[in-house]
Amino acid sequence: MNLKLGPIPDHKPVKITISLCPDIHAALSDYAEIHAREYGKQSSASEIAALMIEKFLTSDREFKRKRRTLISSGDDDRTL
């Protein structure tokens, strides 16, 4: 099986709170279980969700293009 998410890297997370509908939470939990069977390491639904968001953001070309513009225009104070 080839899941879109590979092994989970070690990151220092930033905590946020989101609300999900029960169906999405169940799907994330199922994905986490399948991922654990595939890679031999248990991961929580929140870890899986974070990686899915990361994968989505890194694959969105238009977002990356507009983000570069945002950062270069000085509209963004964050350090990257």
Protein backbone atom coordinates (compact mmCIF):
# COMPACT_ATOMS: atom_id res chain seq x y z
CA MET A 1 0.00 0.00 0.00
CA ASN A 2 1.24 3.51 -0.77
CA LEU A 3 -0.28 6.09 1.53
CA LYS A 4 0.18 9.73 0.56
CA LEU A 5 1.74 10.33 3.96
CA GLY A 6 5.03 8.59 4.53
CA PRO A 7 6.70 8.08 7.90
CA ILE A 8 5.98 10.84 10.40
CA PRO A 9 9.00 13.09 11.02
CA ASP A 10 9.89 14.46 14.43
CA HIS A 11 8.76 18.09 14.64
CA LYS A 12 8.25 20.48 17.50
CA PRO A 13 4.55 21.20 17.05
CA VAL A 14 2.65 24.43 17.56
CA LYS A 15 -0.66 23.68 19.20
CA ILE A 16 -3.92 24.89 17.64
CA THR A 17 -7.50 23.85 18.23
CA ILE A 18 -9.92 22.91 15.44
CA SER A 19 -13.39 21.44 15.35
CA LEU A 20 -14.16 18.58 12.97
CA CYS A 21 -17.39 16.89 12.07
CA PRO A 22 -17.60 13.34 13.45
CA ASP A 23 -17.20 11.76 10.00
CA ILE A 24 -13.90 13.55 9.37
CA HIS A 25 -12.60 12.63 12.82
CA ALA A 26 -13.53 8.98 12.22
CA ALA A 27 -11.79 9.04 8.84
CA LEU A 28 -8.64 10.55 10.38
CA SER A 29 -8.67 7.94 13.11
CA ASP A 30 -9.02 5.18 10.51
CA TYR A 31 -6.19 6.70 8.47
CA ALA A 32 -4.01 6.79 11.60
CA GLU A 33 -4.71 3.10 12.21
CA ILE A 34 -3.90 2.15 8.62
CA HIS A 35 -0.78 4.35 8.74
CA ALA A 36 0.35 2.59 11.94
CA ARG A 37 -0.04 -0.80 10.29
CA GLU A 38 1.88 0.41 7.24
CA TYR A 39 4.79 2.05 9.10
CA GLY A 40 4.78 0.23 12.44
CA LYS A 41 4.41 3.38 14.54
CA GLN A 42 1.19 4.58 16.15
CA SER A 43 0.23 8.19 15.36
CA SER A 44 -2.71 10.20 16.59
CA ALA A 45 -5.42 11.62 14.36
CA SER A 46 -4.07 15.11 15.16
CA GLU A 47 -0.57 14.16 13.92
CA ILE A 48 -2.12 12.74 10.75
CA ALA A 49 -4.23 15.90 10.25
CA ALA A 50 -1.17 18.13 10.67
CA LEU A 51 0.75 16.20 8.03
CA MET A 52 -2.22 16.26 5.66
CA ILE A 53 -2.41 20.04 6.01
CA GLU A 54 1.34 20.32 5.42
CA LYS A 55 1.11 18.11 2.33
CA PHE A 56 -1.80 20.16 1.00
CA LEU A 57 -0.01 23.48 1.53
CA THR A 58 3.25 22.31 -0.03
CA SER A 59 1.46 20.99 -3.10
CA ASP A 60 -0.63 24.14 -3.75
CA ARG A 61 1.40 26.08 -6.34
CA GLU A 62 -0.85 29.12 -6.34
CA PHE A 63 -0.63 29.39 -2.55
CA LYS A 64 3.18 29.19 -2.70
CA ARG A 65 3.33 31.87 -5.40
CA LYS A 66 1.02 34.25 -3.54
CA ARG A 67 2.76 33.55 -0.23
CA ARG A 68 6.11 34.59 -1.72
CA THR A 69 4.46 37.82 -2.89
CA LEU A 70 2.93 38.37 0.55
CA ILE A 71 6.25 37.87 2.30
CA SER A 72 8.27 39.97 -0.15
CA SER A 73 5.78 42.86 0.08
CA GLY A 74 6.34 43.08 3.82
CA ASP A 75 2.71 42.29 4.65
CA ASP A 76 3.88 39.38 6.77
CA ASP A 77 5.86 40.02 9.97
CA ARG A 78 6.66 36.37 10.72
CA THR A 79 10.13 34.97 10.54
CA LEU A 80 10.25 32.01 8.18
